[in-house]
Every structure is written in structure tokens, then in C-alpha cells.
Amino acid sequence: MSAADEVSVAAEAAGEVSVAAEAADDMSAAAVEVSAAEEVAAKAVANFSALDYFRFSTITAVSVTGSYLSGIKPSIRGPSMVSGVLIGIMGGFMYAYQNSAGRLTGFFPNDAEVARYRKK
């Protein structure tokens, strides 16, 4: 191998190292962004009120009941009810999360959160 070939191989290796370092920096920045998003989500879930849990469970119960009754044949009622459970849990959680996040950001009435914040 000639000296020129060795130099070109070394330059390619250095370029790959710098690309890998840039990718690592991008990944660490993304990890910081993800952890910030997880922190916001954790605050919203921790802020669920009793009314949020009530709405969550009510939406789930109504969805399960409705899906069970919509299964016309007895052999379809079980799978229909399982689908209703999944839809009810997801929908109820999203509705409770929306209300909790809305209170934290000030879009919905949040007197209890303001009082709790002022005590600190």
C-alpha cells in the first residue's frame, strides 16, 4: 500500500469518527428533549384529580358496555368487549390527560393548582 493510499484511508477513518461524534451529539440532544417531554407528561398524570379518574373510569365502563351490547352474535360479544376495553382505556386516559394538562397550562379553571403552588 502506498503512502497516498494510507493517507486516504486515515482521512476516511477520521471522517467516520467525526460523523459518529456528530451522531452521538444529536442523540444526546434528542435524549434531553425526550426527558423534558417525559417530565411534562409525568406532571400532567400526577395532577389527575378525582374527577379525572371518575371520567376515565366512566368512559371505560360505557365503552365496555356499549361494545358488549353491540356484539350481535354471542360469539362476537367477547372480542367486541375486549376492543371496547382498549378503546375505553385509551379514550378515557386521553380525556383525563387533556383536562389535567389544560389545568396546568391555564386553559381550564385551576384554582386548586394555583393554591398548591402558592403554598410552596
C-alpha atoms as a PDB file:
ATOM      1  CA  MET A   1       0.000   0.000   0.000  1.00  0.00           C
ATOM      2  CA  SER A   2       1.407   3.371  -0.973  1.00  0.00           C
ATOM      3  CA  ALA A   3       1.674   6.379   1.314  1.00  0.00           C
ATOM      4  CA  ALA A   4      -1.122   8.168  -0.579  1.00  0.00           C
ATOM      5  CA  ASP A   5      -3.458   5.204  -0.028  1.00  0.00           C
ATOM      6  CA  GLU A   6      -2.633   5.167   3.695  1.00  0.00           C
ATOM      7  CA  VAL A   7      -3.380   8.898   3.940  1.00  0.00           C
ATOM      8  CA  SER A   8      -6.714   8.493   2.166  1.00  0.00           C
ATOM      9  CA  VAL A   9      -7.672   5.567   4.427  1.00  0.00           C
ATOM     10  CA  ALA A  10      -6.732   7.607   7.510  1.00  0.00           C
ATOM     11  CA  ALA A  11      -8.785  10.570   6.233  1.00  0.00           C
ATOM     12  CA  GLU A  12     -11.800   8.327   5.645  1.00  0.00           C
ATOM     13  CA  ALA A  13     -11.465   6.882   9.147  1.00  0.00           C
ATOM     14  CA  ALA A  14     -11.239  10.379  10.658  1.00  0.00           C
ATOM     15  CA  GLY A  15     -14.322  11.404   8.703  1.00  0.00           C
ATOM     16  CA  GLU A  16     -16.226   8.404  10.016  1.00  0.00           C
ATOM     17  CA  VAL A  17     -15.167   9.241  13.567  1.00  0.00           C
ATOM     18  CA  SER A  18     -16.374  12.834  13.212  1.00  0.00           C
ATOM     19  CA  VAL A  19     -19.686  11.626  11.731  1.00  0.00           C
ATOM     20  CA  ALA A  20     -20.081   9.201  14.641  1.00  0.00           C
ATOM     21  CA  ALA A  21     -19.331  12.008  17.129  1.00  0.00           C
ATOM     22  CA  GLU A  22     -21.933  14.246  15.489  1.00  0.00           C
ATOM     23  CA  ALA A  23     -24.492  11.434  15.621  1.00  0.00           C
ATOM     24  CA  ALA A  24     -23.744  10.899  19.320  1.00  0.00           C
ATOM     25  CA  ASP A  25     -24.241  14.623  19.986  1.00  0.00           C
ATOM     26  CA  ASP A  26     -27.560  14.556  18.118  1.00  0.00           C
ATOM     27  CA  MET A  27     -28.672  11.507  20.089  1.00  0.00           C
ATOM     28  CA  SER A  28     -27.806  13.117  23.433  1.00  0.00           C
ATOM     29  CA  ALA A  29     -29.739  16.263  22.456  1.00  0.00           C
ATOM     30  CA  ALA A  30     -32.713  14.095  21.500  1.00  0.00           C
ATOM     31  CA  ALA A  31     -32.444  12.268  24.831  1.00  0.00           C
ATOM     32  CA  VAL A  32     -32.597  15.605  26.650  1.00  0.00           C
ATOM     33  CA  GLU A  33     -35.686  16.564  24.648  1.00  0.00           C
ATOM     34  CA  VAL A  34     -37.340  13.226  25.394  1.00  0.00           C
ATOM     35  CA  SER A  35     -36.637  13.509  29.104  1.00  0.00           C
ATOM     36  CA  ALA A  36     -38.159  17.018  29.146  1.00  0.00           C
ATOM     37  CA  ALA A  37     -41.263  15.675  27.405  1.00  0.00           C
ATOM     38  CA  GLU A  38     -41.441  12.791  29.870  1.00  0.00           C
ATOM     39  CA  GLU A  39     -41.223  15.268  32.752  1.00  0.00           C
ATOM     40  CA  VAL A  40     -44.142  17.286  31.394  1.00  0.00           C
ATOM     41  CA  ALA A  41     -46.203  14.118  30.870  1.00  0.00           C
ATOM     42  CA  ALA A  42     -45.400  12.906  34.379  1.00  0.00           C
ATOM     43  CA  LYS A  43     -46.567  16.217  35.841  1.00  0.00           C
ATOM     44  CA  ALA A  44     -49.828  16.044  33.908  1.00  0.00           C
ATOM     45  CA  VAL A  45     -50.526  12.479  35.045  1.00  0.00           C
ATOM     46  CA  ALA A  46     -49.564  13.303  38.641  1.00  0.00           C
ATOM     47  CA  ASN A  47     -52.028  16.204  38.502  1.00  0.00           C
ATOM     48  CA  PHE A  48     -55.058  13.974  37.799  1.00  0.00           C
ATOM     49  CA  SER A  49     -57.910  14.934  40.104  1.00  0.00           C
ATOM     50  CA  ALA A  50     -60.638  12.685  41.486  1.00  0.00           C
ATOM     51  CA  LEU A  51     -62.929  13.985  38.753  1.00  0.00           C
ATOM     52  CA  ASP A  52     -60.367  12.983  36.108  1.00  0.00           C
ATOM     53  CA  TYR A  53     -60.223   9.443  37.477  1.00  0.00           C
ATOM     54  CA  PHE A  54     -64.012   9.329  37.617  1.00  0.00           C
ATOM     55  CA  ARG A  55     -64.294  10.440  33.975  1.00  0.00           C
ATOM     56  CA  PHE A  56     -61.579   7.960  32.976  1.00  0.00           C
ATOM     57  CA  SER A  57     -63.387   5.035  34.590  1.00  0.00           C
ATOM     58  CA  THR A  58     -66.806   6.177  33.339  1.00  0.00           C
ATOM     59  CA  ILE A  59     -65.654   6.415  29.736  1.00  0.00           C
ATOM     60  CA  THR A  60     -64.093   2.969  30.021  1.00  0.00           C
ATOM     61  CA  ALA A  61     -67.239   1.442  31.560  1.00  0.00           C
ATOM     62  CA  VAL A  62     -69.542   2.991  28.955  1.00  0.00           C
ATOM     63  CA  SER A  63     -67.269   1.815  26.157  1.00  0.00           C
ATOM     64  CA  VAL A  64     -67.153  -1.749  27.503  1.00  0.00           C
ATOM     65  CA  THR A  65     -70.918  -1.896  27.954  1.00  0.00           C
ATOM     66  CA  GLY A  66     -71.643  -0.408  24.556  1.00  0.00           C
ATOM     67  CA  SER A  67     -69.232  -2.713  22.761  1.00  0.00           C
ATOM     68  CA  TYR A  68     -70.615  -5.785  24.556  1.00  0.00           C
ATOM     69  CA  LEU A  69     -74.165  -4.888  23.598  1.00  0.00           C
ATOM     70  CA  SER A  70     -73.162  -4.127  20.017  1.00  0.00           C
ATOM     71  CA  GLY A  71     -71.924  -7.703  19.563  1.00  0.00           C
ATOM     72  CA  ILE A  72     -74.976  -9.163  17.819  1.00  0.00           C
ATOM     73  CA  LYS A  73     -73.982 -12.813  17.948  1.00  0.00           C
ATOM     74  CA  PRO A  74     -72.860 -14.355  21.243  1.00  0.00           C
ATOM     75  CA  SER A  75     -69.589 -15.463  19.643  1.00  0.00           C
ATOM     76  CA  ILE A  76     -68.717 -11.854  18.755  1.00  0.00           C
ATOM     77  CA  ARG A  77     -69.521 -10.269  22.129  1.00  0.00           C
ATOM     78  CA  GLY A  78     -66.253 -11.280  23.810  1.00  0.00           C
ATOM     79  CA  PRO A  79     -63.893  -9.881  21.167  1.00  0.00           C
ATOM     80  CA  SER A  80     -66.106  -6.829  20.809  1.00  0.00           C
ATOM     81  CA  MET A  81     -65.898  -6.223  24.546  1.00  0.00           C
ATOM     82  CA  VAL A  82     -62.094  -6.539  24.528  1.00  0.00           C
ATOM     83  CA  SER A  83     -61.913  -3.949  21.773  1.00  0.00           C
ATOM     84  CA  GLY A  84     -64.216  -1.723  23.796  1.00  0.00           C
ATOM     85  CA  VAL A  85     -61.968  -2.060  26.842  1.00  0.00           C
ATOM     86  CA  LEU A  86     -58.937  -0.955  24.862  1.00  0.00           C
ATOM     87  CA  ILE A  87     -60.758   1.927  23.204  1.00  0.00           C
ATOM     88  CA  GLY A  88     -62.298   2.998  26.523  1.00  0.00           C
ATOM     89  CA  ILE A  89     -58.988   2.942  28.382  1.00  0.00           C
ATOM     90  CA  MET A  90     -57.217   4.940  25.680  1.00  0.00           C
ATOM     91  CA  GLY A  91     -60.048   7.412  25.259  1.00  0.00           C
ATOM     92  CA  GLY A  92     -60.577   7.868  28.989  1.00  0.00           C
ATOM     93  CA  PHE A  93     -56.883   8.387  29.638  1.00  0.00           C
ATOM     94  CA  MET A  94     -56.587  10.895  26.805  1.00  0.00           C
ATOM     95  CA  TYR A  95     -59.589  12.845  28.083  1.00  0.00           C
ATOM     96  CA  ALA A  96     -58.253  12.910  31.659  1.00  0.00           C
ATOM     97  CA  TYR A  97     -54.774  13.875  30.415  1.00  0.00           C
ATOM     98  CA  GLN A  98     -56.230  16.670  28.304  1.00  0.00           C
ATOM     99  CA  ASN A  99     -58.120  18.091  31.289  1.00  0.00           C
ATOM    100  CA  SER A 100     -55.098  17.809  33.581  1.00  0.00           C
ATOM    101  CA  ALA A 101     -52.723  19.411  31.087  1.00  0.00           C
ATOM    102  CA  GLY A 102     -55.288  22.121  30.380  1.00  0.00           C
ATOM    103  CA  ARG A 103     -55.446  22.988  34.069  1.00  0.00           C
ATOM    104  CA  LEU A 104     -51.647  23.060  34.336  1.00  0.00           C
ATOM    105  CA  THR A 105     -51.298  25.366  31.345  1.00  0.00           C
ATOM    106  CA  GLY A 106     -54.139  27.640  32.432  1.00  0.00           C
ATOM    107  CA  PHE A 107     -56.672  26.811  29.715  1.00  0.00           C
ATOM    108  CA  PHE A 108     -59.138  25.378  32.235  1.00  0.00           C
ATOM    109  CA  PRO A 109     -60.018  26.630  35.744  1.00  0.00           C
ATOM    110  CA  ASN A 110     -57.148  25.701  38.052  1.00  0.00           C
ATOM    111  CA  ASP A 111     -57.796  27.273  41.450  1.00  0.00           C
ATOM    112  CA  ALA A 112     -56.585  24.205  43.384  1.00  0.00           C
ATOM    113  CA  GLU A 113     -53.296  24.079  41.463  1.00  0.00           C
ATOM    114  CA  VAL A 114     -52.696  27.800  41.996  1.00  0.00           C
ATOM    115  CA  ALA A 115     -53.340  27.456  45.729  1.00  0.00           C
ATOM    116  CA  ARG A 116     -50.999  24.448  45.906  1.00  0.00           C
ATOM    117  CA  TYR A 117     -48.276  26.359  44.047  1.00  0.00           C
ATOM    118  CA  ARG A 118     -48.561  29.411  46.321  1.00  0.00           C
ATOM    119  CA  LYS A 119     -48.101  27.223  49.442  1.00  0.00           C
ATOM    120  CA  LYS A 120     -44.624  26.184  48.269  1.00  0.00           C
END
